[in-house]
Amino acid sequence: MTDPATDQLWEEIVYIAYYLHWSFDSILDLDLASRARVIDEIGKINARLSPGDGFDEETAYWAAALR
């Protein structure tokens, strides 16, 4: 069984790396508040670019998880 906090950290790392193509070390250097802000900003960009209103399902997940 894996630790939920570790699983969430990996999800955050992959999310940021996927969208911004940052290195693993660069993402790990972010503190929790900064990492949450980056994820929130990625979500805002996705929401603006996505058809329809509001956040898509993935962005809504991250917005809720990091608040």
Protein backbone atom coordinates (compact mmCIF):
# COMPACT_ATOMS: atom_id res chain seq x y z
CA MET A 1 0.00 0.00 0.00
CA THR A 2 1.30 3.44 -0.85
CA ASP A 3 1.04 6.59 1.20
CA PRO A 4 -1.80 8.88 -0.02
CA ALA A 5 0.36 11.99 0.48
CA THR A 6 3.08 10.46 -1.70
CA ASP A 7 0.52 9.54 -4.35
CA GLN A 8 -0.83 13.10 -4.37
CA LEU A 9 2.67 14.56 -4.66
CA TRP A 10 3.34 12.33 -7.68
CA GLU A 11 0.05 13.40 -9.27
CA GLU A 12 0.97 17.06 -8.77
CA ILE A 13 4.45 16.53 -10.22
CA VAL A 14 3.10 14.76 -13.29
CA TYR A 15 0.36 17.38 -13.80
CA ILE A 16 2.85 20.26 -13.75
CA ALA A 17 5.44 18.41 -15.83
CA TYR A 18 2.83 17.51 -18.43
CA TYR A 19 1.62 21.05 -18.95
CA LEU A 20 4.77 23.10 -18.37
CA HIS A 21 7.52 20.60 -19.24
CA TRP A 22 9.44 21.51 -16.10
CA SER A 23 12.08 19.17 -14.72
CA PHE A 24 11.35 16.88 -11.80
CA ASP A 25 13.82 18.78 -9.60
CA SER A 26 12.33 22.17 -10.49
CA ILE A 27 8.88 21.00 -9.46
CA LEU A 28 10.16 19.46 -6.22
CA ASP A 29 11.85 22.77 -5.37
CA LEU A 30 8.42 24.43 -5.16
CA ASP A 31 6.89 24.70 -1.71
CA LEU A 32 3.31 23.48 -1.25
CA ALA A 33 1.75 26.93 -1.65
CA SER A 34 3.68 27.65 -4.83
CA ARG A 35 2.91 24.23 -6.27
CA ALA A 36 -0.79 24.75 -5.53
CA ARG A 37 -0.68 28.17 -7.21
CA VAL A 38 0.99 26.76 -10.33
CA ILE A 39 -1.63 24.01 -10.55
CA ASP A 40 -4.42 26.56 -10.06
CA GLU A 41 -3.01 28.78 -12.81
CA ILE A 42 -2.71 25.82 -15.19
CA GLY A 43 -6.36 25.08 -14.44
CA LYS A 44 -7.37 28.66 -15.21
CA ILE A 45 -5.60 28.52 -18.56
CA ASN A 46 -7.26 25.19 -19.37
CA ALA A 47 -10.66 26.59 -18.42
CA ARG A 48 -10.19 29.57 -20.74
CA LEU A 49 -9.10 27.34 -23.59
CA SER A 50 -11.72 24.63 -23.05
CA PRO A 51 -15.14 24.84 -24.66
CA GLY A 52 -18.06 25.25 -22.28
CA ASP A 53 -18.35 26.92 -18.93
CA GLY A 54 -16.15 26.45 -15.90
CA PHE A 55 -13.46 23.92 -15.20
CA ASP A 56 -13.14 20.58 -16.86
CA GLU A 57 -13.29 17.52 -14.60
CA GLU A 58 -9.51 17.22 -14.14
CA THR A 59 -9.08 20.90 -13.27
CA ALA A 60 -11.98 20.78 -10.82
CA TYR A 61 -10.30 17.81 -9.10
CA TRP A 62 -7.04 19.73 -8.64
CA ALA A 63 -8.75 22.92 -7.55
CA ALA A 64 -10.61 21.02 -4.82
CA ALA A 65 -7.62 18.90 -3.76
CA LEU A 66 -5.35 21.87 -3.18
CA ARG A 67 -7.68 24.11 -1.19
